Amino acid sequence: MFVGDSFTVGSGPVPRRQSYASQTARLLGGRPVIAGASGTGFCNEGRAGRTFERSFEVELAGRPAPALLVVSGGHNDRRCGATQVREAAVRLLARVRTHWPDTRTVVVGPIFMGRTPRKAYAVRDALAQAAEAAGVSFLDPLGERWPPGATLPDGVHPTLAGHESIAAWLAGELGGLTLR
C-alpha cells in the first residue's frame, strides 16, 4: 500500500494505474493500493483538504493490514516548517503502528525530478528524523539522477518514463518484499 501526493497517485497524463506506486507494487509482485491526493503532504492539506494522515484514515485504515506500507512525499510540505513536518510524520507513523503493528512501513522523502529547492532538504531531514524515531526505514531520493525526459513540461511532475524510473529505483531499494 502507498500513501502520497501527485507523484504517488498520478497526475496530468499519467493515471494512477501507471504511477510509480502502481508500477512498484507490480514489480514487487503485489497489487497496487494507493491513497492520497495531488497537492497534499504530511502537513499540507492541498486542495483535497486532507493530509497524508487523513488519507490513511479515510482510504486505508479500513483495509486488512498489508505486509508493507510506503509513505512517500514531502514535496508539497516545503512551506511548512521542518518541526511541523516532523511532528505530522511522527503522528502518522504512530497511527499506522497502532492500527497495523506488524506492517513494515517505509518513508520515502520528497522526490524532485530536476533541481531540488533548498527547503526540500529541511523537509527530507525532518522526515528522516521522524522515521528514525518511529523505527521505520527511510529512503532518500534527493540524491538520485533521473534520466532526460523524466519530467512533464511543468518541470515538476514525472512523465511516464519518469514514473518508470522512480518505480525501478524504489523496487530496487525495497528489494524482494512482497506486497499484498
Protein backbone atom coordinates (compact mmCIF):
# COMPACT_ATOMS: atom_id res chain seq x y z
CA MET A 1 0.00 0.00 0.00
CA PHE A 2 1.04 3.57 -0.64
CA VAL A 3 0.10 6.97 0.75
CA GLY A 4 1.31 10.04 -1.08
CA ASP A 5 0.86 13.07 -3.30
CA SER A 6 0.51 13.59 -7.06
CA PHE A 7 3.70 11.67 -7.75
CA THR A 8 2.18 8.67 -5.96
CA VAL A 9 -1.39 8.89 -7.24
CA GLY A 10 -0.52 10.04 -10.77
CA SER A 11 -1.05 13.42 -12.36
CA GLY A 12 -1.51 15.02 -15.73
CA PRO A 13 -1.32 12.43 -18.50
CA VAL A 14 -0.10 9.70 -16.11
CA PRO A 15 -3.05 7.95 -14.43
CA ARG A 16 -2.97 6.17 -11.07
CA ARG A 17 -2.58 2.75 -12.72
CA GLN A 18 0.68 3.92 -14.33
CA SER A 19 2.08 5.90 -11.39
CA TYR A 20 5.38 4.82 -9.89
CA ALA A 21 3.44 3.42 -6.89
CA SER A 22 1.36 1.13 -9.12
CA GLN A 23 4.41 0.08 -11.09
CA THR A 24 6.45 -0.56 -7.93
CA ALA A 25 3.71 -2.74 -6.45
CA ARG A 26 3.58 -4.80 -9.63
CA LEU A 27 7.39 -5.08 -9.82
CA LEU A 28 7.32 -6.50 -6.28
CA GLY A 29 4.55 -8.95 -7.15
CA GLY A 30 1.76 -7.07 -5.42
CA ARG A 31 -1.50 -5.40 -6.26
CA PRO A 32 -1.43 -1.59 -6.09
CA VAL A 33 -3.48 0.01 -3.33
CA ILE A 34 -2.88 3.75 -3.32
CA ALA A 35 -4.22 6.56 -1.14
CA GLY A 36 -3.61 10.27 -1.26
CA ALA A 37 -4.21 13.27 -3.47
CA SER A 38 -2.37 15.83 -5.53
CA GLY A 39 -1.02 18.78 -3.59
CA THR A 40 -1.14 17.03 -0.22
CA GLY A 41 1.63 16.24 2.21
CA PHE A 42 2.40 15.40 5.80
CA CYS A 43 1.19 18.85 6.89
CA ASN A 44 -0.13 20.36 3.64
CA GLU A 45 -3.82 19.67 3.03
CA GLY A 46 -3.74 20.86 -0.58
CA ARG A 47 -6.97 21.33 -2.50
CA ALA A 48 -8.16 17.93 -1.29
CA GLY A 49 -8.38 19.37 2.24
CA ARG A 50 -6.54 16.50 3.90
CA THR A 51 -3.06 15.49 4.93
CA PHE A 52 -1.43 12.08 4.47
CA GLU A 53 -2.71 11.13 7.92
CA ARG A 54 -6.28 11.84 6.88
CA SER A 55 -5.78 9.99 3.58
CA PHE A 56 -4.58 7.00 5.60
CA GLU A 57 -7.63 7.17 7.87
CA VAL A 58 -10.18 7.58 5.07
CA GLU A 59 -8.72 5.37 2.35
CA LEU A 60 -6.60 2.69 4.01
CA ALA A 61 -7.33 2.16 7.71
CA GLY A 62 -10.43 0.06 6.99
CA ARG A 63 -8.45 -2.44 4.93
CA PRO A 64 -6.64 -5.52 6.20
CA ALA A 65 -3.05 -4.86 7.27
CA PRO A 66 -0.59 -5.04 4.38
CA ALA A 67 2.89 -6.51 4.59
CA LEU A 68 4.28 -3.11 3.52
CA LEU A 69 3.12 0.50 3.62
CA VAL A 70 5.11 3.12 1.74
CA VAL A 71 4.50 6.72 2.78
CA SER A 72 6.01 8.90 0.10
CA GLY A 73 6.07 12.64 -0.09
CA GLY A 74 7.16 15.91 1.37
CA HIS A 75 7.32 17.65 -2.00
CA ASN A 76 4.32 19.81 -1.05
CA ASP A 77 5.46 20.47 2.53
CA ARG A 78 8.23 22.99 1.80
CA ARG A 79 6.10 25.87 3.12
CA CYS A 80 5.62 24.11 6.45
CA GLY A 81 8.40 24.37 8.98
CA ALA A 82 10.65 21.35 9.46
CA THR A 83 9.32 20.91 13.00
CA GLN A 84 5.72 20.85 11.75
CA VAL A 85 6.61 18.30 9.05
CA ARG A 86 8.44 16.08 11.55
CA GLU A 87 5.57 16.22 14.07
CA ALA A 88 2.98 15.40 11.39
CA ALA A 89 5.07 12.46 10.17
CA VAL A 90 5.54 11.19 13.73
CA ARG A 91 1.75 11.33 14.29
CA LEU A 92 1.05 9.46 11.06
CA LEU A 93 3.66 6.78 11.75
CA ALA A 94 2.33 6.29 15.29
CA ARG A 95 -1.20 5.95 13.95
CA VAL A 96 -0.05 3.36 11.40
CA ARG A 97 1.87 1.42 14.06
CA THR A 98 -1.16 1.41 16.39
CA HIS A 99 -3.53 0.35 13.61
CA TRP A 100 -1.22 -2.17 11.89
CA PRO A 101 1.51 -3.16 14.38
CA ASP A 102 3.03 -5.85 12.14
CA THR A 103 3.13 -3.84 8.90
CA ARG A 104 6.58 -2.84 7.69
CA THR A 105 6.50 0.88 6.99
CA VAL A 106 8.91 2.76 4.76
CA VAL A 107 9.06 6.54 4.41
CA VAL A 108 10.28 7.93 1.09
CA GLY A 109 11.38 11.54 1.21
CA PRO A 110 10.47 14.21 -1.31
CA ILE A 111 11.13 13.43 -4.97
CA PHE A 112 12.39 16.16 -7.27
CA MET A 113 12.98 15.24 -10.88
CA GLY A 114 15.03 18.35 -11.60
CA ARG A 115 16.79 20.90 -9.44
CA THR A 116 16.00 20.43 -5.76
CA PRO A 117 14.92 23.59 -3.89
CA ARG A 118 16.95 24.30 -0.76
CA LYS A 119 13.92 23.98 1.54
CA ALA A 120 13.37 20.40 0.35
CA TYR A 121 16.47 19.31 2.26
CA ALA A 122 14.98 20.51 5.55
CA VAL A 123 11.81 18.52 4.79
CA ARG A 124 13.90 15.46 3.93
CA ASP A 125 15.86 15.75 7.17
CA ALA A 126 12.66 16.16 9.21
CA LEU A 127 11.19 13.03 7.62
CA ALA A 128 14.37 11.07 8.20
CA GLN A 129 14.25 12.08 11.88
CA ALA A 130 10.58 11.06 12.16
CA ALA A 131 11.30 7.70 10.53
CA GLU A 132 14.22 7.07 12.85
CA ALA A 133 12.14 7.99 15.91
CA ALA A 134 9.41 5.58 14.76
CA GLY A 135 11.88 2.81 13.99
CA VAL A 136 10.97 2.61 10.31
CA SER A 137 13.09 2.71 7.17
CA PHE A 138 13.75 5.96 5.34
CA LEU A 139 14.68 6.23 1.66
CA ASP A 140 16.14 9.43 0.25
CA PRO A 141 15.53 10.03 -3.46
CA LEU A 142 17.10 13.50 -3.49
CA GLY A 143 20.50 12.14 -4.49
CA GLU A 144 19.08 10.24 -7.46
CA ARG A 145 19.74 11.41 -11.01
CA TRP A 146 16.70 10.87 -13.19
CA PRO A 147 17.10 10.41 -16.96
CA PRO A 148 16.34 13.09 -19.54
CA GLY A 149 12.66 13.18 -20.45
CA ALA A 150 11.61 12.22 -16.93
CA THR A 151 9.70 15.47 -16.31
CA LEU A 152 6.49 16.83 -17.78
CA PRO A 153 6.54 20.34 -19.30
CA ASP A 154 5.57 21.75 -15.88
CA GLY A 155 9.14 20.92 -14.80
CA VAL A 156 7.86 19.18 -11.67
CA HIS A 157 5.82 16.05 -12.28
CA PRO A 158 7.22 12.89 -13.81
CA THR A 159 6.38 11.66 -17.28
CA LEU A 160 5.50 8.01 -17.75
CA ALA A 161 9.23 7.39 -18.26
CA GLY A 162 9.89 9.31 -15.03
CA HIS A 163 7.41 7.13 -13.16
CA GLU A 164 9.10 4.05 -14.61
CA SER A 165 12.48 5.32 -13.37
CA ILE A 166 11.15 6.02 -9.88
CA ALA A 167 9.49 2.58 -9.78
CA ALA A 168 12.70 0.82 -10.81
CA TRP A 169 14.66 2.73 -8.15
CA LEU A 170 12.08 2.12 -5.40
CA ALA A 171 11.57 -1.57 -6.23
CA GLY A 172 15.34 -2.00 -6.10
CA GLU A 173 15.51 -0.26 -2.73
CA LEU A 174 12.63 -2.28 -1.30
CA GLY A 175 14.20 -5.48 -2.54
CA GLY A 176 12.31 -8.73 -2.52
CA LEU A 177 9.48 -7.68 -0.21
CA THR A 178 6.09 -8.97 -1.21
CA LEU A 179 3.13 -6.60 -1.28
CA ARG A 180 -0.40 -7.74 -0.68
